[in-house]
Amino acid sequence: MKKDNVTYEKAYKFAIRIVKAFQYLRENKKEFVLSKQMLRSGTSIGANIAEANGAISEADFSSKISLAYKECLETKYWLSLLKDTDYINERTFESIYMDADELAKILFSILKTTRIDK
């Protein structure tokens, strides 16, 4: 249950990108629904990692990391939908999606080491 600063920092920087993407979509594309979903799930990743860092047990830690992982998967879904409905271009999508994919892989790796199958 040690604090993972690297993962937290990556999630925090990712959240900043998500907020900026949300602002762009609202102001320039006048998109108000999908972007809100992306904002919610994309910023929730880091929030769940922050909660995991304050976990009171291994099970609590694993649960919060699991939530962060699921929020990351959801964010990837919204990003794909925004791309496929022409709200974001391929280049922007690839850049943000790669960050989300990297976070998902890190979180899944953490999950595998914290889950004990008995």
PDB file of N, CA and C in Angstrom:
ATOM      1  N   MET A   1       0.817  -1.204   0.000  1.00  0.00           N
ATOM      2  CA  MET A   1       0.000   0.000   0.000  1.00  0.00           C
ATOM      3  C   MET A   1       0.853   1.257   0.000  1.00  0.00           C
ATOM      4  N   LYS A   2       2.017   1.206  -0.604  1.00  0.00           N
ATOM      5  CA  LYS A   2       2.852   2.398  -0.633  1.00  0.00           C
ATOM      6  C   LYS A   2       2.333   3.376  -1.684  1.00  0.00           C
ATOM      7  N   LYS A   3       2.561   4.633  -1.421  1.00  0.00           N
ATOM      8  CA  LYS A   3       2.123   5.668  -2.345  1.00  0.00           C
ATOM      9  C   LYS A   3       2.917   5.578  -3.639  1.00  0.00           C
ATOM     10  N   ASP A   4       2.220   5.556  -4.742  1.00  0.00           N
ATOM     11  CA  ASP A   4       2.846   5.452  -6.051  1.00  0.00           C
ATOM     12  C   ASP A   4       2.806   6.835  -6.706  1.00  0.00           C
ATOM     13  N   ASN A   5       3.839   7.613  -6.488  1.00  0.00           N
ATOM     14  CA  ASN A   5       3.876   8.980  -7.001  1.00  0.00           C
ATOM     15  C   ASN A   5       3.862   9.052  -8.519  1.00  0.00           C
ATOM     16  N   VAL A   6       4.530   8.115  -9.182  1.00  0.00           N
ATOM     17  CA  VAL A   6       4.598   8.142 -10.641  1.00  0.00           C
ATOM     18  C   VAL A   6       3.207   7.979 -11.245  1.00  0.00           C
ATOM     19  N   THR A   7       2.465   7.017 -10.780  1.00  0.00           N
ATOM     20  CA  THR A   7       1.121   6.789 -11.296  1.00  0.00           C
ATOM     21  C   THR A   7       0.207   7.967 -10.977  1.00  0.00           C
ATOM     22  N   TYR A   8       0.293   8.473  -9.759  1.00  0.00           N
ATOM     23  CA  TYR A   8      -0.510   9.637  -9.372  1.00  0.00           C
ATOM     24  C   TYR A   8      -0.188  10.833 -10.268  1.00  0.00           C
ATOM     25  N   GLU A   9       1.095  11.095 -10.484  1.00  0.00           N
ATOM     26  CA  GLU A   9       1.504  12.229 -11.322  1.00  0.00           C
ATOM     27  C   GLU A   9       1.012  12.069 -12.754  1.00  0.00           C
ATOM     28  N   LYS A  10       1.115  10.864 -13.296  1.00  0.00           N
ATOM     29  CA  LYS A  10       0.624  10.615 -14.651  1.00  0.00           C
ATOM     30  C   LYS A  10      -0.890  10.852 -14.730  1.00  0.00           C
ATOM     31  N   ALA A  11      -1.603  10.387 -13.723  1.00  0.00           N
ATOM     32  CA  ALA A  11      -3.059  10.558 -13.705  1.00  0.00           C
ATOM     33  C   ALA A  11      -3.429  12.030 -13.557  1.00  0.00           C
ATOM     34  N   TYR A  12      -2.658  12.757 -12.758  1.00  0.00           N
ATOM     35  CA  TYR A  12      -2.930  14.186 -12.555  1.00  0.00           C
ATOM     36  C   TYR A  12      -2.703  14.963 -13.852  1.00  0.00           C
ATOM     37  N   LYS A  13      -1.597  14.676 -14.528  1.00  0.00           N
ATOM     38  CA  LYS A  13      -1.312  15.339 -15.810  1.00  0.00           C
ATOM     39  C   LYS A  13      -2.360  14.960 -16.850  1.00  0.00           C
ATOM     40  N   PHE A  14      -2.804  13.707 -16.806  1.00  0.00           N
ATOM     41  CA  PHE A  14      -3.855  13.266 -17.717  1.00  0.00           C
ATOM     42  C   PHE A  14      -5.148  14.033 -17.442  1.00  0.00           C
ATOM     43  N   ALA A  15      -5.471  14.216 -16.171  1.00  0.00           N
ATOM     44  CA  ALA A  15      -6.690  14.961 -15.804  1.00  0.00           C
ATOM     45  C   ALA A  15      -6.635  16.391 -16.337  1.00  0.00           C
ATOM     46  N   ILE A  16      -5.467  16.992 -16.286  1.00  0.00           N
ATOM     47  CA  ILE A  16      -5.322  18.352 -16.828  1.00  0.00           C
ATOM     48  C   ILE A  16      -5.602  18.348 -18.331  1.00  0.00           C
ATOM     49  N   ARG A  17      -5.087  17.362 -19.033  1.00  0.00           N
ATOM     50  CA  ARG A  17      -5.363  17.255 -20.480  1.00  0.00           C
ATOM     51  C   ARG A  17      -6.859  17.081 -20.736  1.00  0.00           C
ATOM     52  N   ILE A  18      -7.499  16.283 -19.897  1.00  0.00           N
ATOM     53  CA  ILE A  18      -8.935  16.035 -20.050  1.00  0.00           C
ATOM     54  C   ILE A  18      -9.726  17.329 -19.813  1.00  0.00           C
ATOM     55  N   VAL A  19      -9.359  18.075 -18.786  1.00  0.00           N
ATOM     56  CA  VAL A  19     -10.048  19.346 -18.509  1.00  0.00           C
ATOM     57  C   VAL A  19      -9.886  20.303 -19.690  1.00  0.00           C
ATOM     58  N   LYS A  20      -8.698  20.375 -20.234  1.00  0.00           N
ATOM     59  CA  LYS A  20      -8.455  21.261 -21.380  1.00  0.00           C
ATOM     60  C   LYS A  20      -9.222  20.798 -22.615  1.00  0.00           C
ATOM     61  N   ALA A  21      -9.289  19.500 -22.822  1.00  0.00           N
ATOM     62  CA  ALA A  21     -10.067  18.956 -23.940  1.00  0.00           C
ATOM     63  C   ALA A  21     -11.550  19.280 -23.751  1.00  0.00           C
ATOM     64  N   PHE A  22     -12.018  19.129 -22.517  1.00  0.00           N
ATOM     65  CA  PHE A  22     -13.411  19.460 -22.193  1.00  0.00           C
ATOM     66  C   PHE A  22     -13.707  20.926 -22.505  1.00  0.00           C
ATOM     67  N   GLN A  23     -12.810  21.808 -22.065  1.00  0.00           N
ATOM     68  CA  GLN A  23     -12.992  23.241 -22.320  1.00  0.00           C
ATOM     69  C   GLN A  23     -13.035  23.532 -23.826  1.00  0.00           C
ATOM     70  N   TYR A  24     -12.140  22.914 -24.567  1.00  0.00           N
ATOM     71  CA  TYR A  24     -12.111  23.086 -26.020  1.00  0.00           C
ATOM     72  C   TYR A  24     -13.417  22.621 -26.655  1.00  0.00           C
ATOM     73  N   LEU A  25     -13.872  21.427 -26.273  1.00  0.00           N
ATOM     74  CA  LEU A  25     -15.094  20.878 -26.849  1.00  0.00           C
ATOM     75  C   LEU A  25     -16.307  21.748 -26.532  1.00  0.00           C
ATOM     76  N   ARG A  26     -16.360  22.266 -25.318  1.00  0.00           N
ATOM     77  CA  ARG A  26     -17.474  23.143 -24.932  1.00  0.00           C
ATOM     78  C   ARG A  26     -17.455  24.455 -25.718  1.00  0.00           C
ATOM     79  N   GLU A  27     -16.285  25.080 -25.745  1.00  0.00           N
ATOM     80  CA  GLU A  27     -16.180  26.417 -26.337  1.00  0.00           C
ATOM     81  C   GLU A  27     -16.167  26.414 -27.855  1.00  0.00           C
ATOM     82  N   ASN A  28     -15.450  25.476 -28.462  1.00  0.00           N
ATOM     83  CA  ASN A  28     -15.257  25.502 -29.914  1.00  0.00           C
ATOM     84  C   ASN A  28     -16.158  24.570 -30.696  1.00  0.00           C
ATOM     85  N   LYS A  29     -16.550  23.477 -30.101  1.00  0.00           N
ATOM     86  CA  LYS A  29     -17.392  22.508 -30.802  1.00  0.00           C
ATOM     87  C   LYS A  29     -18.838  22.522 -30.320  1.00  0.00           C
ATOM     88  N   LYS A  30     -19.080  23.258 -29.263  1.00  0.00           N
ATOM     89  CA  LYS A  30     -20.429  23.344 -28.665  1.00  0.00           C
ATOM     90  C   LYS A  30     -20.982  21.957 -28.340  1.00  0.00           C
ATOM     91  N   GLU A  31     -20.091  21.103 -27.833  1.00  0.00           N
ATOM     92  CA  GLU A  31     -20.464  19.742 -27.450  1.00  0.00           C
ATOM     93  C   GLU A  31     -20.588  19.710 -25.930  1.00  0.00           C
ATOM     94  N   PHE A  32     -21.759  19.305 -25.432  1.00  0.00           N
ATOM     95  CA  PHE A  32     -22.030  19.428 -24.003  1.00  0.00           C
ATOM     96  C   PHE A  32     -22.317  18.113 -23.272  1.00  0.00           C
ATOM     97  N   VAL A  33     -22.506  17.027 -23.984  1.00  0.00           N
ATOM     98  CA  VAL A  33     -22.902  15.773 -23.335  1.00  0.00           C
ATOM     99  C   VAL A  33     -21.731  14.795 -23.233  1.00  0.00           C
ATOM    100  N   LEU A  34     -21.178  14.412 -24.368  1.00  0.00           N
ATOM    101  CA  LEU A  34     -20.072  13.448 -24.362  1.00  0.00           C
ATOM    102  C   LEU A  34     -18.864  14.000 -23.615  1.00  0.00           C
ATOM    103  N   SER A  35     -18.599  15.284 -23.813  1.00  0.00           N
ATOM    104  CA  SER A  35     -17.440  15.908 -23.152  1.00  0.00           C
ATOM    105  C   SER A  35     -17.592  15.908 -21.637  1.00  0.00           C
ATOM    106  N   LYS A  36     -18.801  16.055 -21.154  1.00  0.00           N
ATOM    107  CA  LYS A  36     -19.041  16.023 -19.710  1.00  0.00           C
ATOM    108  C   LYS A  36     -18.765  14.628 -19.151  1.00  0.00           C
ATOM    109  N   GLN A  37     -19.147  13.602 -19.888  1.00  0.00           N
ATOM    110  CA  GLN A  37     -18.878  12.227 -19.473  1.00  0.00           C
ATOM    111  C   GLN A  37     -17.371  11.965 -19.441  1.00  0.00           C
ATOM    112  N   MET A  38     -16.679  12.442 -20.488  1.00  0.00           N
ATOM    113  CA  MET A  38     -15.232  12.292 -20.550  1.00  0.00           C
ATOM    114  C   MET A  38     -14.567  13.016 -19.381  1.00  0.00           C
ATOM    115  N   LEU A  39     -15.043  14.195 -19.074  1.00  0.00           N
ATOM    116  CA  LEU A  39     -14.498  14.985 -17.962  1.00  0.00           C
ATOM    117  C   LEU A  39     -14.669  14.235 -16.642  1.00  0.00           C
ATOM    118  N   ARG A  40     -15.851  13.708 -16.420  1.00  0.00           N
ATOM    119  CA  ARG A  40     -16.138  13.001 -15.171  1.00  0.00           C
ATOM    120  C   ARG A  40     -15.240  11.775 -14.999  1.00  0.00           C
ATOM    121  N   SER A  41     -15.204  10.936 -16.018  1.00  0.00           N
ATOM    122  CA  SER A  41     -14.411   9.712 -15.880  1.00  0.00           C
ATOM    123  C   SER A  41     -12.907   9.989 -15.940  1.00  0.00           C
ATOM    124  N   GLY A  42     -12.509  10.919 -16.774  1.00  0.00           N
ATOM    125  CA  GLY A  42     -11.085  11.215 -16.938  1.00  0.00           C
ATOM    126  C   GLY A  42     -10.433  11.848 -15.722  1.00  0.00           C
ATOM    127  N   THR A  43     -11.189  12.637 -14.990  1.00  0.00           N
ATOM    128  CA  THR A  43     -10.644  13.243 -13.769  1.00  0.00           C
ATOM    129  C   THR A  43     -10.809  12.317 -12.563  1.00  0.00           C
ATOM    130  N   SER A  44     -11.703  11.374 -12.665  1.00  0.00           N
ATOM    131  CA  SER A  44     -11.937  10.425 -11.578  1.00  0.00           C
ATOM    132  C   SER A  44     -10.781   9.438 -11.406  1.00  0.00           C
ATOM    133  N   ILE A  45     -10.022   9.216 -12.460  1.00  0.00           N
ATOM    134  CA  ILE A  45      -8.894   8.271 -12.390  1.00  0.00           C
ATOM    135  C   ILE A  45      -7.931   8.705 -11.289  1.00  0.00           C
ATOM    136  N   GLY A  46      -7.463   9.932 -11.379  1.00  0.00           N
ATOM    137  CA  GLY A  46      -6.515  10.447 -10.388  1.00  0.00           C
ATOM    138  C   GLY A  46      -7.117  10.557  -9.005  1.00  0.00           C
ATOM    139  N   ALA A  47      -8.391  10.914  -8.940  1.00  0.00           N
ATOM    140  CA  ALA A  47      -9.054  11.024  -7.637  1.00  0.00           C
ATOM    141  C   ALA A  47      -9.082   9.665  -6.933  1.00  0.00           C
ATOM    142  N   ASN A  48      -9.333   8.607  -7.694  1.00  0.00           N
ATOM    143  CA  ASN A  48      -9.333   7.271  -7.097  1.00  0.00           C
ATOM    144  C   ASN A  48      -7.934   6.821  -6.703  1.00  0.00           C
ATOM    145  N   ILE A  49      -6.932   7.217  -7.459  1.00  0.00           N
ATOM    146  CA  ILE A  49      -5.551   6.899  -7.086  1.00  0.00           C
ATOM    147  C   ILE A  49      -5.189   7.636  -5.799  1.00  0.00           C
ATOM    148  N   ALA A  50      -5.623   8.894  -5.684  1.00  0.00           N
ATOM    149  CA  ALA A  50      -5.379   9.661  -4.456  1.00  0.00           C
ATOM    150  C   ALA A  50      -6.026   8.961  -3.260  1.00  0.00           C
ATOM    151  N   GLU A  51      -7.238   8.470  -3.450  1.00  0.00           N
ATOM    152  CA  GLU A  51      -7.907   7.737  -2.370  1.00  0.00           C
ATOM    153  C   GLU A  51      -7.169   6.438  -2.055  1.00  0.00           C
ATOM    154  N   ALA A  52      -6.673   5.761  -3.087  1.00  0.00           N
ATOM    155  CA  ALA A  52      -5.926   4.515  -2.872  1.00  0.00           C
ATOM    156  C   ALA A  52      -4.675   4.786  -2.050  1.00  0.00           C
ATOM    157  N   ASN A  53      -4.046   5.920  -2.291  1.00  0.00           N
ATOM    158  CA  ASN A  53      -2.839   6.266  -1.546  1.00  0.00           C
ATOM    159  C   ASN A  53      -3.118   6.488  -0.060  1.00  0.00           C
ATOM    160  N   GLY A  54      -4.370   6.731   0.282  1.00  0.00           N
ATOM    161  CA  GLY A  54      -4.750   6.889   1.681  1.00  0.00           C
ATOM    162  C   GLY A  54      -5.519   5.691   2.217  1.00  0.00           C
ATOM    163  N   ALA A  55      -5.428   4.586   1.517  1.00  0.00           N
ATOM    164  CA  ALA A  55      -6.187   3.388   1.890  1.00  0.00           C
ATOM    165  C   ALA A  55      -5.802   2.891   3.277  1.00  0.00           C
ATOM    166  N   ILE A  56      -6.792   2.323   3.957  1.00  0.00           N
ATOM    167  CA  ILE A  56      -6.571   1.816   5.316  1.00  0.00           C
ATOM    168  C   ILE A  56      -6.286   0.318   5.346  1.00  0.00           C
ATOM    169  N   SER A  57      -6.411  -0.319   4.180  1.00  0.00           N
ATOM    170  CA  SER A  57      -6.115  -1.755   4.104  1.00  0.00           C
ATOM    171  C   SER A  57      -5.732  -2.093   2.672  1.00  0.00           C
ATOM    172  N   GLU A  58      -5.186  -3.274   2.502  1.00  0.00           N
ATOM    173  CA  GLU A  58      -4.833  -3.755   1.158  1.00  0.00           C
ATOM    174  C   GLU A  58      -6.086  -3.882   0.294  1.00  0.00           C
ATOM    175  N   ALA A  59      -7.178  -4.355   0.889  1.00  0.00           N
ATOM    176  CA  ALA A  59      -8.438  -4.500   0.151  1.00  0.00           C
ATOM    177  C   ALA A  59      -8.973  -3.135  -0.286  1.00  0.00           C
ATOM    178  N   ASP A  60      -8.876  -2.146   0.586  1.00  0.00           N
ATOM    179  CA  ASP A  60      -9.310  -0.788   0.273  1.00  0.00           C
ATOM    180  C   ASP A  60      -8.470  -0.225  -0.873  1.00  0.00           C
ATOM    181  N   PHE A  61      -7.159  -0.426  -0.802  1.00  0.00           N
ATOM    182  CA  PHE A  61      -6.239   0.019  -1.849  1.00  0.00           C
ATOM    183  C   PHE A  61      -6.615  -0.622  -3.180  1.00  0.00           C
ATOM    184  N   SER A  62      -6.795  -1.921  -3.188  1.00  0.00           N
ATOM    185  CA  SER A  62      -7.122  -2.661  -4.400  1.00  0.00           C
ATOM    186  C   SER A  62      -8.451  -2.196  -4.988  1.00  0.00           C
ATOM    187  N   SER A  63      -9.419  -1.937  -4.138  1.00  0.00           N
ATOM    188  CA  SER A  63     -10.730  -1.470  -4.582  1.00  0.00           C
ATOM    189  C   SER A  63     -10.629  -0.114  -5.285  1.00  0.00           C
ATOM    190  N   LYS A  64      -9.866   0.799  -4.719  1.00  0.00           N
ATOM    191  CA  LYS A  64      -9.719   2.138  -5.313  1.00  0.00           C
ATOM    192  C   LYS A  64      -8.947   2.075  -6.623  1.00  0.00           C
ATOM    193  N   ILE A  65      -7.913   1.242  -6.686  1.00  0.00           N
ATOM    194  CA  ILE A  65      -7.163   1.086  -7.931  1.00  0.00           C
ATOM    195  C   ILE A  65      -8.056   0.456  -9.000  1.00  0.00           C
ATOM    196  N   SER A  66      -8.909  -0.479  -8.590  1.00  0.00           N
ATOM    197  CA  SER A  66      -9.862  -1.086  -9.515  1.00  0.00           C
ATOM    198  C   SER A  66     -10.815  -0.036 -10.085  1.00  0.00           C
ATOM    199  N   LEU A  67     -11.304   0.840  -9.232  1.00  0.00           N
ATOM    200  CA  LEU A  67     -12.181   1.921  -9.702  1.00  0.00           C
ATOM    201  C   LEU A  67     -11.445   2.840 -10.672  1.00  0.00           C
ATOM    202  N   ALA A  68     -10.199   3.171 -10.369  1.00  0.00           N
ATOM    203  CA  ALA A  68      -9.402   4.031 -11.248  1.00  0.00           C
ATOM    204  C   ALA A  68      -9.242   3.360 -12.621  1.00  0.00           C
ATOM    205  N   TYR A  69      -8.969   2.071 -12.608  1.00  0.00           N
ATOM    206  CA  TYR A  69      -8.814   1.311 -13.856  1.00  0.00           C
ATOM    207  C   TYR A  69     -10.104   1.344 -14.681  1.00  0.00           C
ATOM    208  N   LYS A  70     -11.225   1.116 -14.028  1.00  0.00           N
ATOM    209  CA  LYS A  70     -12.512   1.122 -14.731  1.00  0.00           C
ATOM    210  C   LYS A  70     -12.840   2.501 -15.292  1.00  0.00           C
ATOM    211  N   GLU A  71     -12.523   3.549 -14.542  1.00  0.00           N
ATOM    212  CA  GLU A  71     -12.745   4.916 -15.026  1.00  0.00           C
ATOM    213  C   GLU A  71     -11.866   5.203 -16.240  1.00  0.00           C
ATOM    214  N   CYS A  72     -10.679   4.636 -16.249  1.00  0.00           N
ATOM    215  CA  CYS A  72      -9.770   4.797 -17.378  1.00  0.00           C
ATOM    216  C   CYS A  72     -10.360   4.134 -18.628  1.00  0.00           C
ATOM    217  N   LEU A  73     -10.881   2.935 -18.458  1.00  0.00           N
ATOM    218  CA  LEU A  73     -11.529   2.253 -19.582  1.00  0.00           C
ATOM    219  C   LEU A  73     -12.720   3.054 -20.097  1.00  0.00           C
ATOM    220  N   GLU A  74     -13.494   3.615 -19.185  1.00  0.00           N
ATOM    221  CA  GLU A  74     -14.640   4.429 -19.588  1.00  0.00           C
ATOM    222  C   GLU A  74     -14.179   5.670 -20.351  1.00  0.00           C
ATOM    223  N   THR A  75     -13.117   6.286 -19.898  1.00  0.00           N
ATOM    224  CA  THR A  75     -12.593   7.472 -20.570  1.00  0.00           C
ATOM    225  C   THR A  75     -12.175   7.131 -22.001  1.00  0.00           C
ATOM    226  N   LYS A  76     -11.550   5.975 -22.175  1.00  0.00           N
ATOM    227  CA  LYS A  76     -11.150   5.543 -23.515  1.00  0.00           C
ATOM    228  C   LYS A  76     -12.384   5.377 -24.408  1.00  0.00           C
ATOM    229  N   TYR A  77     -13.463   4.905 -23.842  1.00  0.00           N
ATOM    230  CA  TYR A  77     -14.720   4.767 -24.594  1.00  0.00           C
ATOM    231  C   TYR A  77     -15.208   6.134 -25.082  1.00  0.00           C
ATOM    232  N   TRP A  78     -15.260   7.122 -24.173  1.00  0.00           N
ATOM    233  CA  TRP A  78     -15.744   8.458 -24.540  1.00  0.00           C
ATOM    234  C   TRP A  78     -14.823   9.116 -25.562  1.00  0.00           C
ATOM    235  N   LEU A  79     -13.527   8.906 -25.419  1.00  0.00           N
ATOM    236  CA  LEU A  79     -12.586   9.457 -26.402  1.00  0.00           C
ATOM    237  C   LEU A  79     -12.836   8.860 -27.788  1.00  0.00           C
ATOM    238  N   SER A  80     -13.050   7.554 -27.834  1.00  0.00           N
ATOM    239  CA  SER A  80     -13.337   6.900 -29.114  1.00  0.00           C
ATOM    240  C   SER A  80     -14.625   7.434 -29.732  1.00  0.00           C
ATOM    241  N   LEU A  81     -15.626   7.598 -28.910  1.00  0.00           N
ATOM    242  CA  LEU A  81     -16.906   8.117 -29.396  1.00  0.00           C
ATOM    243  C   LEU A  81     -16.760   9.551 -29.907  1.00  0.00           C
ATOM    244  N   LEU A  82     -16.010  10.370 -29.192  1.00  0.00           N
ATOM    245  CA  LEU A  82     -15.780  11.749 -29.635  1.00  0.00           C
ATOM    246  C   LEU A  82     -15.029  11.784 -30.967  1.00  0.00           C
ATOM    247  N   LYS A  83     -14.095  10.882 -31.142  1.00  0.00           N
ATOM    248  CA  LYS A  83     -13.365  10.812 -32.427  1.00  0.00           C
ATOM    249  C   LYS A  83     -14.288  10.348 -33.544  1.00  0.00           C
ATOM    250  N   ASP A  84     -15.041   9.302 -33.287  1.00  0.00           N
ATOM    251  CA  ASP A  84     -15.877   8.716 -34.329  1.00  0.00           C
ATOM    252  C   ASP A  84     -17.100   9.563 -34.679  1.00  0.00           C
ATOM    253  N   THR A  85     -17.375  10.573 -33.881  1.00  0.00           N
ATOM    254  CA  THR A  85     -18.456  11.516 -34.197  1.00  0.00           C
ATOM    255  C   THR A  85     -17.883  12.869 -34.627  1.00  0.00           C
ATOM    256  N   ASP A  86     -16.593  12.863 -34.934  1.00  0.00           N
ATOM    257  CA  ASP A  86     -15.897  14.030 -35.500  1.00  0.00           C
ATOM    258  C   ASP A  86     -15.818  15.251 -34.583  1.00  0.00           C
ATOM    259  N   TYR A  87     -15.856  15.026 -33.280  1.00  0.00           N
ATOM    260  CA  TYR A  87     -15.644  16.139 -32.351  1.00  0.00           C
ATOM    261  C   TYR A  87     -14.165  16.369 -32.070  1.00  0.00           C
ATOM    262  N   ILE A  88     -13.370  15.303 -32.149  1.00  0.00           N
ATOM    263  CA  ILE A  88     -11.923  15.466 -32.037  1.00  0.00           C
ATOM    264  C   ILE A  88     -11.266  14.777 -33.232  1.00  0.00           C
ATOM    265  N   ASN A  89     -10.156  15.337 -33.676  1.00  0.00           N
ATOM    266  CA  ASN A  89      -9.479  14.770 -34.839  1.00  0.00           C
ATOM    267  C   ASN A  89      -8.612  13.578 -34.435  1.00  0.00           C
ATOM    268  N   GLU A  90      -8.139  12.868 -35.431  1.00  0.00           N
ATOM    269  CA  GLU A  90      -7.370  11.631 -35.216  1.00  0.00           C
ATOM    270  C   GLU A  90      -6.101  11.901 -34.408  1.00  0.00           C
ATOM    271  N   ARG A  91      -5.411  12.983 -34.708  1.00  0.00           N
ATOM    272  CA  ARG A  91      -4.150  13.296 -34.031  1.00  0.00           C
ATOM    273  C   ARG A  91      -4.375  13.552 -32.542  1.00  0.00           C
ATOM    274  N   THR A  92      -5.375  14.353 -32.221  1.00  0.00           N
ATOM    275  CA  THR A  92      -5.708  14.640 -30.828  1.00  0.00           C
ATOM    276  C   THR A  92      -6.134  13.364 -30.112  1.00  0.00           C
ATOM    277  N   PHE A  93      -6.978  12.601 -30.779  1.00  0.00           N
ATOM    278  CA  PHE A  93      -7.447  11.343 -30.211  1.00  0.00           C
ATOM    279  C   PHE A  93      -6.276  10.432 -29.874  1.00  0.00           C
ATOM    280  N   GLU A  94      -5.394  10.208 -30.847  1.00  0.00           N
ATOM    281  CA  GLU A  94      -4.264   9.294 -30.647  1.00  0.00           C
ATOM    282  C   GLU A  94      -3.415   9.709 -29.455  1.00  0.00           C
ATOM    283  N   SER A  95      -3.166  10.997 -29.328  1.00  0.00           N
ATOM    284  CA  SER A  95      -2.327  11.503 -28.250  1.00  0.00           C
ATOM    285  C   SER A  95      -2.953  11.267 -26.869  1.00  0.00           C
ATOM    286  N   ILE A  96      -4.199  11.654 -26.724  1.00  0.00           N
ATOM    287  CA  ILE A  96      -4.871  11.494 -25.426  1.00  0.00           C
ATOM    288  C   ILE A  96      -5.154  10.013 -25.151  1.00  0.00           C
ATOM    289  N   TYR A  97      -5.558   9.290 -26.182  1.00  0.00           N
ATOM    290  CA  TYR A  97      -5.873   7.876 -26.011  1.00  0.00           C
ATOM    291  C   TYR A  97      -4.642   7.082 -25.580  1.00  0.00           C
ATOM    292  N   MET A  98      -3.483   7.412 -26.153  1.00  0.00           N
ATOM    293  CA  MET A  98      -2.243   6.723 -25.767  1.00  0.00           C
ATOM    294  C   MET A  98      -1.934   6.948 -24.290  1.00  0.00           C
ATOM    295  N   ASP A  99      -2.165   8.165 -23.808  1.00  0.00           N
ATOM    296  CA  ASP A  99      -1.971   8.446 -22.385  1.00  0.00           C
ATOM    297  C   ASP A  99      -2.921   7.618 -21.529  1.00  0.00           C
ATOM    298  N   ALA A 100      -4.178   7.553 -21.962  1.00  0.00           N
ATOM    299  CA  ALA A 100      -5.178   6.766 -21.223  1.00  0.00           C
ATOM    300  C   ALA A 100      -4.796   5.286 -21.242  1.00  0.00           C
ATOM    301  N   ASP A 101      -4.327   4.806 -22.378  1.00  0.00           N
ATOM    302  CA  ASP A 101      -3.946   3.409 -22.500  1.00  0.00           C
ATOM    303  C   ASP A 101      -2.747   3.089 -21.595  1.00  0.00           C
ATOM    304  N   GLU A 102      -1.792   3.994 -21.526  1.00  0.00           N
ATOM    305  CA  GLU A 102      -0.640   3.799 -20.646  1.00  0.00           C
ATOM    306  C   GLU A 102      -1.084   3.726 -19.184  1.00  0.00           C
ATOM    307  N   LEU A 103      -1.966   4.638 -18.792  1.00  0.00           N
ATOM    308  CA  LEU A 103      -2.494   4.615 -17.425  1.00  0.00           C
ATOM    309  C   LEU A 103      -3.225   3.303 -17.142  1.00  0.00           C
ATOM    310  N   ALA A 104      -4.035   2.861 -18.085  1.00  0.00           N
ATOM    311  CA  ALA A 104      -4.790   1.613 -17.900  1.00  0.00           C
ATOM    312  C   ALA A 104      -3.842   0.435 -17.692  1.00  0.00           C
ATOM    313  N   LYS A 105      -2.778   0.384 -18.465  1.00  0.00           N
ATOM    314  CA  LYS A 105      -1.813  -0.715 -18.329  1.00  0.00           C
ATOM    315  C   LYS A 105      -1.124  -0.674 -16.968  1.00  0.00           C
ATOM    316  N   ILE A 106      -0.752   0.505 -16.519  1.00  0.00           N
ATOM    317  CA  ILE A 106      -0.112   0.649 -15.207  1.00  0.00           C
ATOM    318  C   ILE A 106      -1.073   0.214 -14.107  1.00  0.00           C
ATOM    319  N   LEU A 107      -2.309   0.702 -14.176  1.00  0.00           N
ATOM    320  CA  LEU A 107      -3.298   0.371 -13.150  1.00  0.00           C
ATOM    321  C   LEU A 107      -3.613  -1.118 -13.138  1.00  0.00           C
ATOM    322  N   PHE A 108      -3.710  -1.729 -14.319  1.00  0.00           N
ATOM    323  CA  PHE A 108      -3.980  -3.156 -14.377  1.00  0.00           C
ATOM    324  C   PHE A 108      -2.820  -3.946 -13.773  1.00  0.00           C
ATOM    325  N   SER A 109      -1.610  -3.498 -14.034  1.00  0.00           N
ATOM    326  CA  SER A 109      -0.432  -4.148 -13.464  1.00  0.00           C
ATOM    327  C   SER A 109      -0.446  -4.061 -11.941  1.00  0.00           C
ATOM    328  N   ILE A 110      -0.802  -2.893 -11.413  1.00  0.00           N
ATOM    329  CA  ILE A 110      -0.913  -2.723  -9.957  1.00  0.00           C
ATOM    330  C   ILE A 110      -1.993  -3.657  -9.415  1.00  0.00           C
ATOM    331  N   LEU A 111      -3.113  -3.722 -10.112  1.00  0.00           N
ATOM    332  CA  LEU A 111      -4.213  -4.602  -9.688  1.00  0.00           C
ATOM    333  C   LEU A 111      -3.773  -6.063  -9.617  1.00  0.00           C
ATOM    334  N   LYS A 112      -3.039  -6.497 -10.616  1.00  0.00           N
ATOM    335  CA  LYS A 112      -2.581  -7.896 -10.640  1.00  0.00           C
ATOM    336  C   LYS A 112      -1.691  -8.212  -9.444  1.00  0.00           C
ATOM    337  N   THR A 113      -0.925  -7.246  -8.999  1.00  0.00           N
ATOM    338  CA  THR A 113      -0.030  -7.511  -7.863  1.00  0.00           C
ATOM    339  C   THR A 113      -0.734  -7.384  -6.521  1.00  0.00           C
ATOM    340  N   THR A 114      -1.895  -6.725  -6.494  1.00  0.00           N
ATOM    341  CA  THR A 114      -2.604  -6.554  -5.213  1.00  0.00           C
ATOM    342  C   THR A 114      -3.724  -7.563  -5.018  1.00  0.00           C
ATOM    343  N   ARG A 115      -4.182  -8.169  -6.082  1.00  0.00           N
ATOM    344  CA  ARG A 115      -5.255  -9.150  -5.981  1.00  0.00           C
ATOM    345  C   ARG A 115      -4.668 -10.509  -5.672  1.00  0.00           C
ATOM    346  N   ILE A 116      -5.157 -11.117  -4.638  1.00  0.00           N
ATOM    347  CA  ILE A 116      -4.676 -12.448  -4.255  1.00  0.00           C
ATOM    348  C   ILE A 116      -5.820 -13.435  -4.446  1.00  0.00           C
ATOM    349  N   ASP A 117      -5.632 -14.347  -5.367  1.00  0.00           N
ATOM    350  CA  ASP A 117      -6.647 -15.391  -5.583  1.00  0.00           C
ATOM    351  C   ASP A 117      -6.398 -16.527  -4.614  1.00  0.00           C
ATOM    352  N   LYS A 118      -7.405 -16.828  -3.837  1.00  0.00           N
ATOM    353  CA  LYS A 118      -7.274 -17.922  -2.856  1.00  0.00           C
ATOM    354  C   LYS A 118      -8.277 -18.999  -3.142  1.00  0.00           C
TER     355      LYS A 118
END
